[in-house]
Amino acid sequence: MRNFRSSAARFGLILFSVGLPAITTGCMQGQDRGEAAGPYYTFQKVVYQNDGGWPDNKAYFQRLLHHIGNHIAATDGKVEIRVVNFAAGVQLFVMAQQDPDLARQLDLLRGKGVRFLICRNTLEGMKLSPSDLYGVKAEDVVPSGVAEVARLQGLGFVYLHP
């Protein structure tokens, strides 16, 4: 048994030694920093969760929308973004009805292809309809916010909750 273990250990060391130069060469050439040929970021699919930012929702919403704008800029627009809004996150669209700055930010991001999805459960619980929310249409409403996040992850979207 001792010979088997020492042989296996030597075999593992040989495999490790053979693979190590390939791993370190890639790192030393900057492949993990995007210095290889081609763009730094490849196309991304991302789902952002917005469930509000109590106690100061407006500041949270402004940061959220700013982060999304920065994400689009960093990827040079090579990104598909969905924002799933539920619970207190729906307040963003209630507030935007009266807040031109939030409305402008939403319009700008929508113009860049960002889709804002609204939880039907939240709407029913808050006794709201899509017409009560800034820029929300019936096709923006999904049955469940949390289930939509999970569904999108199953479709390859990366989850972010800033």
Protein backbone atom coordinates (compact mmCIF):
# COMPACT_ATOMS: atom_id res chain seq x y z
CA MET A 1 0.00 0.00 0.00
CA ARG A 2 2.89 2.33 0.77
CA ASN A 3 4.22 2.06 -2.80
CA PHE A 4 0.80 2.84 -4.21
CA ARG A 5 0.46 6.00 -2.10
CA SER A 6 3.94 7.23 -2.92
CA SER A 7 3.38 6.48 -6.62
CA ALA A 8 0.07 8.33 -6.55
CA ALA A 9 1.67 11.26 -4.76
CA ARG A 10 4.50 11.40 -7.34
CA PHE A 11 1.96 11.15 -10.18
CA GLY A 12 -0.06 14.03 -8.64
CA LEU A 13 3.11 16.11 -8.26
CA ILE A 14 4.01 15.46 -11.90
CA LEU A 15 0.53 16.52 -13.06
CA PHE A 16 0.71 19.60 -10.86
CA SER A 17 4.16 20.48 -12.17
CA VAL A 18 3.11 20.03 -15.79
CA GLY A 19 -0.02 22.17 -15.34
CA LEU A 20 1.62 24.91 -13.28
CA PRO A 21 3.57 26.55 -16.14
CA ALA A 22 0.40 26.76 -18.24
CA ILE A 23 -1.51 28.38 -15.40
CA THR A 24 1.21 30.86 -14.47
CA THR A 25 1.99 31.70 -18.09
CA GLY A 26 -1.62 32.75 -18.66
CA CYS A 27 -1.58 34.92 -15.55
CA MET A 28 1.78 36.46 -16.36
CA GLN A 29 0.58 37.37 -19.83
CA GLY A 30 -2.31 39.28 -18.29
CA GLN A 31 -5.13 37.07 -19.52
CA ASP A 32 -6.91 37.43 -16.20
CA ARG A 33 -6.67 41.23 -16.45
CA GLY A 34 -8.07 41.56 -19.96
CA GLU A 35 -4.79 42.46 -21.59
CA ALA A 36 -5.07 39.67 -24.12
CA ALA A 37 -6.39 40.41 -27.59
CA GLY A 38 -10.00 41.55 -27.62
CA PRO A 39 -12.24 43.53 -25.28
CA TYR A 40 -12.04 43.25 -21.51
CA TYR A 41 -15.72 42.38 -21.04
CA THR A 42 -17.65 39.92 -23.15
CA PHE A 43 -21.44 40.07 -23.49
CA GLN A 44 -23.20 39.78 -20.13
CA LYS A 45 -26.73 38.91 -19.00
CA VAL A 46 -27.52 40.41 -15.60
CA VAL A 47 -30.54 40.58 -13.32
CA TYR A 48 -30.55 43.27 -10.65
CA GLN A 49 -32.83 42.87 -7.64
CA ASN A 50 -34.59 46.00 -6.40
CA ASP A 51 -36.54 45.48 -3.21
CA GLY A 52 -36.01 49.01 -1.91
CA GLY A 53 -33.54 50.72 0.31
CA TRP A 54 -35.29 51.74 3.46
CA PRO A 55 -35.03 54.17 5.22
CA ASP A 56 -33.96 56.45 2.33
CA ASN A 57 -35.45 54.89 -0.78
CA LYS A 58 -34.69 57.88 -3.04
CA ALA A 59 -30.95 57.79 -2.32
CA TYR A 60 -30.94 54.01 -2.80
CA PHE A 61 -32.86 54.25 -6.07
CA GLN A 62 -30.50 56.94 -7.39
CA ARG A 63 -27.47 54.76 -6.53
CA LEU A 64 -29.09 51.71 -8.12
CA LEU A 65 -29.83 53.54 -11.37
CA HIS A 66 -26.33 55.06 -11.35
CA HIS A 67 -24.74 51.60 -10.92
CA ILE A 68 -26.79 50.25 -13.82
CA GLY A 69 -25.70 53.17 -16.02
CA ASN A 70 -22.07 52.55 -15.06
CA HIS A 71 -22.49 48.85 -15.84
CA ILE A 72 -23.71 49.68 -19.35
CA ALA A 73 -20.85 52.11 -19.88
CA ALA A 74 -18.20 49.68 -18.59
CA THR A 75 -19.36 46.94 -20.95
CA ASP A 76 -19.71 49.36 -23.86
CA GLY A 77 -23.36 48.37 -24.01
CA LYS A 78 -22.60 44.66 -24.40
CA VAL A 79 -25.02 43.71 -21.66
CA GLU A 80 -28.64 42.63 -21.28
CA ILE A 81 -30.04 43.96 -18.03
CA ARG A 82 -33.30 43.15 -16.30
CA VAL A 83 -34.23 44.85 -13.04
CA VAL A 84 -36.75 42.88 -11.01
CA ASN A 85 -38.69 45.19 -8.69
CA PHE A 86 -40.72 43.92 -5.76
CA ALA A 87 -41.70 44.89 -2.22
CA ALA A 88 -40.48 48.44 -1.44
CA GLY A 89 -38.57 48.50 -4.75
CA VAL A 90 -41.84 49.26 -6.54
CA GLN A 91 -41.78 52.64 -4.78
CA LEU A 92 -39.18 53.73 -7.35
CA PHE A 93 -41.94 53.87 -9.97
CA VAL A 94 -44.46 55.49 -7.60
CA MET A 95 -41.92 58.20 -6.73
CA ALA A 96 -40.93 58.70 -10.38
CA GLN A 97 -44.52 59.79 -11.11
CA GLN A 98 -43.72 63.01 -9.19
CA ASP A 99 -39.90 63.12 -9.42
CA PRO A 100 -38.59 64.27 -12.82
CA ASP A 101 -35.01 63.24 -11.99
CA LEU A 102 -35.96 59.61 -11.26
CA ALA A 103 -38.24 59.59 -14.32
CA ARG A 104 -35.39 60.88 -16.51
CA GLN A 105 -32.99 58.23 -15.20
CA LEU A 106 -35.54 55.48 -15.84
CA ASP A 107 -36.20 56.76 -19.37
CA LEU A 108 -32.48 56.96 -20.12
CA LEU A 109 -31.88 53.37 -19.00
CA ARG A 110 -34.95 52.07 -20.83
CA GLY A 111 -33.57 53.78 -23.94
CA LYS A 112 -30.42 51.72 -23.49
CA GLY A 113 -32.40 48.48 -23.40
CA VAL A 114 -32.80 47.95 -19.66
CA ARG A 115 -36.05 46.14 -18.83
CA PHE A 116 -37.74 46.93 -15.53
CA LEU A 117 -39.98 44.08 -14.38
CA ILE A 118 -42.62 44.53 -11.67
CA CYS A 119 -43.92 41.88 -9.26
CA ARG A 120 -47.68 41.28 -9.58
CA ASN A 121 -47.83 40.01 -5.99
CA THR A 122 -46.44 43.34 -4.78
CA LEU A 123 -48.88 45.32 -6.92
CA GLU A 124 -51.81 43.35 -5.49
CA GLY A 125 -50.51 43.69 -1.93
CA MET A 126 -50.03 47.45 -2.34
CA LYS A 127 -53.31 47.81 -4.27
CA LEU A 128 -51.53 49.36 -7.26
CA SER A 129 -51.94 48.91 -10.99
CA PRO A 130 -49.34 49.43 -13.73
CA SER A 131 -50.94 52.81 -14.49
CA ASP A 132 -50.01 53.98 -10.96
CA LEU A 133 -46.32 53.42 -11.79
CA TYR A 134 -44.13 55.60 -13.98
CA GLY A 135 -43.68 54.10 -17.44
CA VAL A 136 -44.86 50.62 -16.47
CA LYS A 137 -46.93 48.66 -18.98
CA ALA A 138 -48.89 45.45 -18.49
CA GLU A 139 -46.13 43.45 -20.24
CA ASP A 140 -43.64 44.62 -17.58
CA VAL A 141 -45.54 42.78 -14.84
CA VAL A 142 -44.35 39.30 -13.86
CA PRO A 143 -46.26 36.90 -11.56
CA SER A 144 -43.64 36.91 -8.77
CA GLY A 145 -40.51 39.02 -8.31
CA VAL A 146 -38.49 36.42 -6.44
CA ALA A 147 -39.55 33.65 -8.82
CA GLU A 148 -38.58 35.89 -11.75
CA VAL A 149 -35.08 36.38 -10.33
CA ALA A 150 -34.72 32.59 -10.05
CA ARG A 151 -36.13 32.07 -13.57
CA LEU A 152 -33.66 34.54 -15.06
CA GLN A 153 -30.76 32.92 -13.21
CA GLY A 154 -31.84 29.62 -14.76
CA LEU A 155 -31.61 31.33 -18.16
CA GLY A 156 -28.00 32.33 -17.51
CA PHE A 157 -28.45 35.79 -15.99
CA VAL A 158 -25.98 36.72 -13.25
CA TYR A 159 -27.64 37.97 -10.05
CA LEU A 160 -26.71 41.34 -8.54
CA HIS A 161 -28.20 43.08 -5.51
CA PRO A 162 -26.39 46.36 -4.90
